[in-house]
């Protein structure tokens, strides 16, 4: 081999090694984090809308909790659909990067105190509807939201509802002084945030309200009145996040889900300054005003504590009754409602802390 050819070979090997070095360095930096929390996505059921779209009057924010972290959060990965309502749900293709508001909230929990009957006598529960059309959740199939009332754990009013009108409609039950009164409100379909009920003592004094107030029914979604001694997670303090970021998320197409009818996307954001929280709530809200215009619908997970939260600052007055509920979408495209407590978890991953054994990479072509 000539001297010139030897030099060319050495130069080619040097360039090749340099390229490999750059590749390995990039690979190591991207893969050199621990998976510190994981709720994998579930290929079924539902997805909650978490989008800001001022032109459409949409300001929905979904959040889920995490706990037991032993490292700072450096990357946040979450999974969902890209859709929007335009005469019904329409699937969209997101851009390679999409702007998101990422927020972390304090996680707090407490013990329920229960509702104790102050006197012996006949009590009433009054049902009202803020829209004035009853507690219908899916009118086409005559499906209604329901309320069950318990005294000392024994049902005294079973799955009562408001079939039409604004109410109030009254139902009576008996309780003795010192008895514990509790309720279970069951959501069946959409528009549960219109429902309200109050419990009145034998002197017609309101001793409990759920779903707003008497003068402002439907101000929130009824959650039920739990018996005493139950540990519950408090709603995130939406107005006071511990950390708030406006970041671009890298978007990757994962594949099809829901029997091949929907497309799933992975979204990833990296924090320049890691977030130091052992436990908390985390939310991801797409900034549709400044992105492709798609809404982010956060897919659910079967792993977790079975609770997430949904902040919805839109009212049904701004919605078209002929549309699918804008708060979310189900696998079959049915009407659904996921306002406030969501009875399932959301799909996301938290990454942070350097791996004890970083990935190895070849650096010598001729050992």
Protein backbone atom coordinates (compact mmCIF):
# COMPACT_ATOMS: atom_id res chain seq x y z
CA UNK A 1 0.00 0.00 0.00
CA UNK A 2 1.37 3.43 -0.93
CA UNK A 3 2.09 6.18 1.58
CA UNK A 4 -0.73 8.30 0.10
CA UNK A 5 -3.24 5.44 0.35
CA UNK A 6 -2.18 4.83 3.96
CA UNK A 7 -2.81 8.50 4.78
CA UNK A 8 -6.22 8.32 3.10
CA UNK A 9 -7.09 5.23 5.14
CA UNK A 10 -5.99 6.87 8.38
CA UNK A 11 -7.99 10.01 7.52
CA UNK A 12 -11.12 7.96 6.73
CA UNK A 13 -10.77 6.03 9.99
CA UNK A 14 -10.30 9.27 11.92
CA UNK A 15 -13.41 10.84 10.37
CA UNK A 16 -15.38 7.64 11.01
CA UNK A 17 -14.27 7.52 14.65
CA UNK A 18 -15.15 11.20 15.10
CA UNK A 19 -18.65 10.62 13.69
CA UNK A 20 -19.06 7.60 15.95
CA UNK A 21 -17.89 9.68 18.89
CA UNK A 22 -20.51 12.34 18.18
CA UNK A 23 -23.18 9.67 17.76
CA UNK A 24 -22.24 7.93 20.99
CA UNK A 25 -22.07 11.18 22.92
CA UNK A 26 -25.53 12.14 21.73
CA UNK A 27 -26.88 8.66 22.40
CA UNK A 28 -25.44 8.64 25.90
CA UNK A 29 -26.82 12.06 26.75
CA UNK A 30 -30.29 11.08 25.51
CA UNK A 31 -30.30 7.67 27.21
CA UNK A 32 -28.40 8.49 30.39
CA UNK A 33 -31.44 9.05 32.61
CA UNK A 34 -33.37 6.75 34.91
CA UNK A 35 -37.06 6.09 34.50
CA UNK A 36 -38.15 7.31 37.95
CA UNK A 37 -41.94 7.10 37.51
CA UNK A 38 -44.05 5.29 34.92
CA UNK A 39 -47.75 4.95 34.17
CA UNK A 40 -47.82 3.22 30.75
CA UNK A 41 -50.62 4.00 28.33
CA UNK A 42 -53.63 1.74 28.01
CA UNK A 43 -54.96 0.91 24.55
CA UNK A 44 -58.62 1.37 25.46
CA UNK A 45 -61.34 3.54 26.97
CA UNK A 46 -60.80 7.30 27.02
CA UNK A 47 -58.66 10.41 26.67
CA UNK A 48 -59.09 13.72 28.50
CA UNK A 49 -58.82 17.04 26.66
CA UNK A 50 -56.00 19.22 27.99
CA UNK A 51 -55.82 22.24 25.71
CA UNK A 52 -55.91 26.02 25.65
CA UNK A 53 -57.70 27.33 22.56
CA UNK A 54 -58.96 30.85 23.21
CA UNK A 55 -60.70 31.15 19.84
CA UNK A 56 -62.86 28.13 20.73
CA UNK A 57 -63.35 29.12 24.37
CA UNK A 58 -61.46 26.04 25.54
CA UNK A 59 -59.31 26.04 28.69
CA UNK A 60 -59.06 22.43 29.87
CA UNK A 61 -56.20 21.12 31.99
CA UNK A 62 -55.70 17.50 33.08
CA UNK A 63 -53.32 16.56 35.90
CA UNK A 64 -52.19 13.35 37.55
CA UNK A 65 -50.18 12.68 40.69
CA UNK A 66 -46.81 11.05 41.26
CA UNK A 67 -44.95 10.05 44.40
CA UNK A 68 -41.85 8.36 45.78
CA UNK A 69 -39.32 10.08 43.51
CA UNK A 70 -35.69 9.73 44.51
CA UNK A 71 -34.23 11.96 41.81
CA UNK A 72 -34.96 15.33 40.24
CA UNK A 73 -37.23 15.39 37.19
CA UNK A 74 -35.29 16.20 34.02
CA UNK A 75 -37.68 14.93 31.33
CA UNK A 76 -41.45 14.53 31.20
CA UNK A 77 -42.99 12.17 28.63
CA UNK A 78 -46.74 11.89 28.07
CA UNK A 79 -48.97 10.08 25.60
CA UNK A 80 -52.15 11.10 23.84
CA UNK A 81 -54.17 11.90 20.75
CA UNK A 82 -54.26 14.99 18.53
CA UNK A 83 -57.85 15.97 17.80
CA UNK A 84 -60.16 18.94 17.51
CA UNK A 85 -63.89 19.51 17.23
CA UNK A 86 -65.13 20.75 13.85
CA UNK A 87 -68.69 19.49 13.42
CA UNK A 88 -67.68 16.52 15.53
CA UNK A 89 -64.31 15.12 16.56
CA UNK A 90 -61.68 15.37 13.81
CA UNK A 91 -58.27 13.70 14.05
CA UNK A 92 -55.31 16.00 13.35
CA UNK A 93 -51.62 15.52 12.66
CA UNK A 94 -49.50 17.45 15.16
CA UNK A 95 -46.32 19.28 14.20
CA UNK A 96 -42.88 17.87 15.00
CA UNK A 97 -42.86 20.14 18.04
CA UNK A 98 -45.86 21.56 19.87
CA UNK A 99 -45.92 24.24 22.61
CA UNK A 100 -47.14 23.12 26.04
CA UNK A 101 -47.78 24.61 29.45
CA UNK A 102 -46.28 22.22 31.98
CA UNK A 103 -47.28 22.78 35.60
CA UNK A 104 -46.46 21.08 38.89
CA UNK A 105 -48.76 21.37 41.90
CA UNK A 106 -48.47 20.44 45.54
CA UNK A 107 -50.04 17.10 46.47
CA UNK A 108 -52.17 17.19 49.60
CA UNK A 109 -54.53 14.70 51.18
CA UNK A 110 -56.72 14.61 54.25
CA UNK A 111 -59.28 12.61 56.18
CA UNK A 112 -63.00 13.11 55.61
CA UNK A 113 -65.03 14.20 58.61
CA UNK A 114 -68.42 12.90 57.44
CA UNK A 115 -71.84 14.53 57.73
CA UNK A 116 -73.57 14.00 61.09
CA UNK A 117 -77.33 14.42 61.51
CA UNK A 118 -77.81 17.23 64.05
CA UNK A 119 -81.33 16.17 65.16
CA UNK A 120 -83.78 13.31 64.80
CA UNK A 121 -86.42 13.68 62.10
CA UNK A 122 -87.19 13.67 58.42
CA UNK A 123 -84.45 15.02 56.16
CA UNK A 124 -84.74 16.03 52.52
CA UNK A 125 -82.40 15.99 49.56
CA UNK A 126 -83.19 18.59 46.91
CA UNK A 127 -82.10 18.03 43.30
CA UNK A 128 -81.47 20.95 40.91
CA UNK A 129 -80.05 21.39 37.39
CA UNK A 130 -78.29 24.58 36.29
CA UNK A 131 -79.27 24.17 32.62
CA UNK A 132 -82.87 23.48 33.43
CA UNK A 133 -83.25 20.19 31.57
CA UNK A 134 -82.73 17.52 34.21
CA UNK A 135 -79.83 15.23 34.95
CA UNK A 136 -79.59 13.62 31.52
CA UNK A 137 -76.14 12.34 30.63
CA UNK A 138 -77.01 10.82 27.28
CA UNK A 139 -80.45 11.87 26.13
CA UNK A 140 -80.63 9.60 23.10
CA UNK A 141 -80.46 6.54 25.36
CA UNK A 142 -82.34 8.07 28.34
CA UNK A 143 -79.28 7.71 30.58
CA UNK A 144 -79.18 9.91 33.68
CA UNK A 145 -76.76 10.83 36.44
CA UNK A 146 -77.92 9.40 39.77
CA UNK A 147 -77.60 9.99 43.50
CA UNK A 148 -77.77 7.44 46.31
CA UNK A 149 -78.11 8.48 49.95
CA UNK A 150 -76.90 6.40 52.91
CA UNK A 151 -77.51 6.59 56.66
CA UNK A 152 -74.85 4.78 58.70
CA UNK A 153 -73.84 2.98 55.51
CA UNK A 154 -77.37 1.71 54.71
CA UNK A 155 -78.97 2.99 51.50
CA UNK A 156 -82.14 5.02 52.12
CA UNK A 157 -82.53 6.60 48.66
CA UNK A 158 -81.27 4.46 45.78
CA UNK A 159 -80.17 6.04 42.47
CA UNK A 160 -82.60 8.94 42.44
CA UNK A 161 -82.37 11.44 39.58
CA UNK A 162 -83.93 14.58 38.13
CA UNK A 163 -85.68 13.45 34.93
CA UNK A 164 -86.36 16.96 33.59
CA UNK A 165 -86.53 20.62 34.50
CA UNK A 166 -84.46 22.80 36.78
CA UNK A 167 -85.89 21.56 40.06
CA UNK A 168 -85.77 21.60 42.96
CA UNK A 169 -87.32 18.17 43.39
CA UNK A 170 -87.33 16.84 46.96
CA UNK A 171 -86.84 13.32 48.33
CA UNK A 172 -87.32 12.48 52.02
CA UNK A 173 -85.44 10.12 54.34
CA UNK A 174 -85.25 9.63 58.11
CA UNK A 175 -82.21 9.95 60.34
CA UNK A 176 -81.58 10.09 64.08
CA UNK A 177 -79.37 12.57 65.85
CA UNK A 178 -75.75 11.44 65.54
CA UNK A 179 -76.34 9.28 62.46
CA UNK A 180 -73.81 9.61 59.65
CA UNK A 181 -75.20 10.69 56.27
CA UNK A 182 -73.23 9.99 53.08
CA UNK A 183 -73.91 10.04 49.36
CA UNK A 184 -72.65 8.55 46.11
CA UNK A 185 -73.07 10.62 42.95
CA UNK A 186 -72.71 8.51 39.80
CA UNK A 187 -71.78 10.14 36.49
CA UNK A 188 -73.43 8.53 33.48
CA UNK A 189 -72.44 10.43 30.35
CA UNK A 190 -71.99 14.16 29.80
CA UNK A 191 -73.01 17.42 31.50
CA UNK A 192 -72.57 16.22 35.09
CA UNK A 193 -71.34 19.71 35.97
CA UNK A 194 -74.95 20.94 35.70
CA UNK A 195 -76.09 18.76 38.60
CA UNK A 196 -76.53 20.02 42.14
CA UNK A 197 -78.09 18.69 45.31
CA UNK A 198 -78.50 19.89 48.87
CA UNK A 199 -79.38 18.07 52.09
CA UNK A 200 -81.84 19.85 54.38
CA UNK A 201 -82.46 19.09 58.05
CA UNK A 202 -85.99 18.72 59.54
CA UNK A 203 -86.13 22.52 59.97
CA UNK A 204 -85.31 23.05 56.25
CA UNK A 205 -81.79 24.31 56.95
CA UNK A 206 -79.18 23.34 54.34
CA UNK A 207 -76.53 21.23 56.08
CA UNK A 208 -74.65 20.08 52.96
CA UNK A 209 -74.34 21.05 49.29
CA UNK A 210 -72.61 19.30 46.40
CA UNK A 211 -72.12 20.63 42.86
CA UNK A 212 -72.06 24.34 43.68
CA UNK A 213 -74.46 26.23 45.92
CA UNK A 214 -78.21 26.72 46.08
CA UNK A 215 -77.91 30.12 44.38
CA UNK A 216 -75.22 28.93 41.98
CA UNK A 217 -75.96 25.28 41.07
CA UNK A 218 -73.55 23.64 38.68
CA UNK A 219 -70.57 25.72 39.81
CA UNK A 220 -68.67 22.43 40.16
CA UNK A 221 -69.28 18.75 39.53
CA UNK A 222 -70.80 16.80 42.46
CA UNK A 223 -68.29 14.49 44.11
CA UNK A 224 -70.44 12.79 46.72
CA UNK A 225 -70.30 13.13 50.50
CA UNK A 226 -67.88 10.55 51.87
CA UNK A 227 -68.22 8.82 55.24
CA UNK A 228 -65.79 9.86 57.96
CA UNK A 229 -62.28 8.44 58.12
CA UNK A 230 -61.66 8.20 54.36
CA UNK A 231 -58.27 9.46 53.12
CA UNK A 232 -58.82 11.60 50.03
CA UNK A 233 -56.54 13.57 47.72
CA UNK A 234 -57.35 17.25 47.51
CA UNK A 235 -57.88 18.93 44.16
CA UNK A 236 -54.74 20.64 42.79
CA UNK A 237 -54.51 24.33 43.63
CA UNK A 238 -54.86 25.35 39.98
CA UNK A 239 -54.21 29.03 40.65
CA UNK A 240 -50.92 28.42 42.46
CA UNK A 241 -48.60 25.95 40.69
CA UNK A 242 -45.28 25.25 42.36
CA UNK A 243 -43.54 25.29 38.96
CA UNK A 244 -44.81 26.47 35.58
CA UNK A 245 -43.10 26.17 32.20
CA UNK A 246 -43.93 27.06 28.59
CA UNK A 247 -41.90 24.51 26.61
CA UNK A 248 -41.82 22.92 23.18
CA UNK A 249 -42.52 19.20 23.25
CA UNK A 250 -40.88 16.84 20.78
CA UNK A 251 -43.62 14.82 19.07
CA UNK A 252 -43.20 11.21 17.95
CA UNK A 253 -45.82 9.07 16.25
CA UNK A 254 -46.15 5.84 18.27
CA UNK A 255 -48.69 3.96 16.13
CA UNK A 256 -52.40 3.20 15.96
CA UNK A 257 -54.62 2.33 18.92
CA UNK A 258 -58.30 1.62 19.59
CA UNK A 259 -58.53 -1.15 16.98
CA UNK A 260 -56.46 0.89 14.55
CA UNK A 261 -58.99 3.72 14.50
CA UNK A 262 -56.87 6.37 16.27
CA UNK A 263 -53.26 7.55 16.11
CA UNK A 264 -51.17 7.75 19.29
CA UNK A 265 -48.39 10.28 19.84
CA UNK A 266 -45.59 10.58 22.36
CA UNK A 267 -44.73 14.06 23.66
CA UNK A 268 -41.46 14.82 25.47
CA UNK A 269 -40.26 17.95 27.22
CA UNK A 270 -36.86 18.49 28.84
CA UNK A 271 -36.32 20.88 31.73
CA UNK A 272 -33.27 23.14 31.63
CA UNK A 273 -33.44 23.27 35.43
CA UNK A 274 -34.60 19.93 36.91
CA UNK A 275 -37.72 19.91 39.09
CA UNK A 276 -37.14 18.74 42.64
CA UNK A 277 -40.38 17.19 43.93
CA UNK A 278 -40.77 13.89 45.75
CA UNK A 279 -44.54 13.93 45.17
CA UNK A 280 -47.02 16.21 43.45
CA UNK A 281 -49.43 16.74 40.56
CA UNK A 282 -48.18 17.31 37.01
CA UNK A 283 -50.21 18.67 34.10
CA UNK A 284 -49.59 19.04 30.37
CA UNK A 285 -51.78 21.56 28.50
CA UNK A 286 -51.16 22.15 24.81
CA UNK A 287 -50.98 25.79 23.70
CA UNK A 288 -53.19 25.44 20.64
CA UNK A 289 -53.10 29.19 20.05
CA UNK A 290 -49.40 29.05 19.21
CA UNK A 291 -49.02 25.57 17.75
CA UNK A 292 -50.58 23.57 14.94
CA UNK A 293 -54.03 24.15 16.41
CA UNK A 294 -54.49 20.53 17.53
CA UNK A 295 -55.89 19.73 20.94
CA UNK A 296 -54.03 17.27 23.16
CA UNK A 297 -56.19 14.46 24.54
CA UNK A 298 -54.29 12.69 27.30
CA UNK A 299 -54.63 8.90 27.11
CA UNK A 300 -55.38 6.94 30.26
CA UNK A 301 -53.38 4.33 32.15
CA UNK A 302 -54.35 1.29 34.19
CA UNK A 303 -51.38 1.81 36.52
CA UNK A 304 -51.66 4.20 39.46
CA UNK A 305 -54.05 5.13 42.24
CA UNK A 306 -57.11 5.46 39.99
CA UNK A 307 -57.43 9.22 40.31
CA UNK A 308 -56.59 12.22 38.16
CA UNK A 309 -58.09 15.71 38.01
CA UNK A 310 -59.57 17.75 35.18
CA UNK A 311 -59.95 21.53 35.27
CA UNK A 312 -62.60 22.71 32.85
CA UNK A 313 -63.22 26.45 32.52
CA UNK A 314 -65.80 26.15 29.75
CA UNK A 315 -69.52 25.87 30.35
CA UNK A 316 -72.10 24.01 28.36
CA UNK A 317 -73.55 27.36 27.35
CA UNK A 318 -70.55 27.67 25.04
CA UNK A 319 -71.02 24.17 23.64
CA UNK A 320 -73.30 22.82 20.98
CA UNK A 321 -75.57 20.06 22.27
CA UNK A 322 -75.19 18.24 18.97
CA UNK A 323 -71.44 17.95 19.46
CA UNK A 324 -69.49 15.34 21.32
CA UNK A 325 -68.54 16.71 24.72
CA UNK A 326 -65.40 18.78 24.24
CA UNK A 327 -63.90 17.70 27.57
CA UNK A 328 -62.78 14.35 26.21
CA UNK A 329 -63.41 11.46 23.89
CA UNK A 330 -64.07 7.77 24.41
CA UNK A 331 -62.83 4.82 22.42
CA UNK A 332 -66.14 4.61 20.58
CA UNK A 333 -66.52 8.36 20.16
CA UNK A 334 -69.44 8.49 22.59
CA UNK A 335 -70.53 11.42 24.69
CA UNK A 336 -68.55 11.42 27.90
CA UNK A 337 -67.66 13.73 30.73
CA UNK A 338 -64.46 13.85 32.71
CA UNK A 339 -64.74 17.10 34.62
CA UNK A 340 -62.90 17.34 37.93
CA UNK A 341 -62.04 13.97 39.48
CA UNK A 342 -61.28 11.46 36.74
CA UNK A 343 -61.70 7.87 37.89
CA UNK A 344 -58.57 6.64 36.13
CA UNK A 345 -54.91 7.57 35.71
CA UNK A 346 -53.12 9.30 32.83
CA UNK A 347 -50.23 7.90 30.78
CA UNK A 348 -46.88 9.54 31.49
CA UNK A 349 -43.24 8.97 32.41
CA UNK A 350 -40.79 10.96 34.52
CA UNK A 351 -37.06 10.67 33.86
CA UNK A 352 -34.13 11.88 35.95
CA UNK A 353 -30.88 10.98 37.68
CA UNK A 354 -27.90 9.56 35.81
CA UNK A 355 -27.76 5.84 35.16
CA UNK A 356 -25.27 3.91 37.27
CA UNK A 357 -24.07 2.13 34.10
CA UNK A 358 -24.34 4.42 31.02
CA UNK A 359 -24.70 2.82 27.58
CA UNK A 360 -21.46 1.54 26.06
CA UNK A 361 -20.39 2.47 22.54
CA UNK A 362 -17.66 1.16 20.23
CA UNK A 363 -14.77 3.63 19.85
CA UNK A 364 -12.10 1.42 18.33
CA UNK A 365 -12.74 -0.19 14.94
CA UNK A 366 -9.50 -2.20 15.04
CA UNK A 367 -8.87 -3.51 18.58
